[in-house]
Amino acid sequence: MLYQALDEGLATINMVLGSRYVKPLRAEAEKWKKDLMILSSIVEEWVLCQKQWMYLVNIFTAADIKKSLPAEAHQFD
């Protein structure tokens, strides 16, 4: 849902930037595009972080790992 909204926003702003009538507002439209690109990048990084977290949860919540690496398991908790 969020990716779809970002894609639609970028498509719209690109369409606006392609218009010959954008000249008076070009700087503002380019700022909007830059902001949408930054937001898209942040969302991608956040999803990557969540995937890595989910991977590590399975490792550090295992009983044998907690016994083997108690300090690291405590730090992860």
Foldseek 3Di string as FASTA:
>chain_A
DVVVVLVVQLVVLVVLCPDPPCVVPNVVSVVSNVVSVVVVVVVVVVVVVVVVLVVVCVVLVDPVNCVVPVVVSVVND
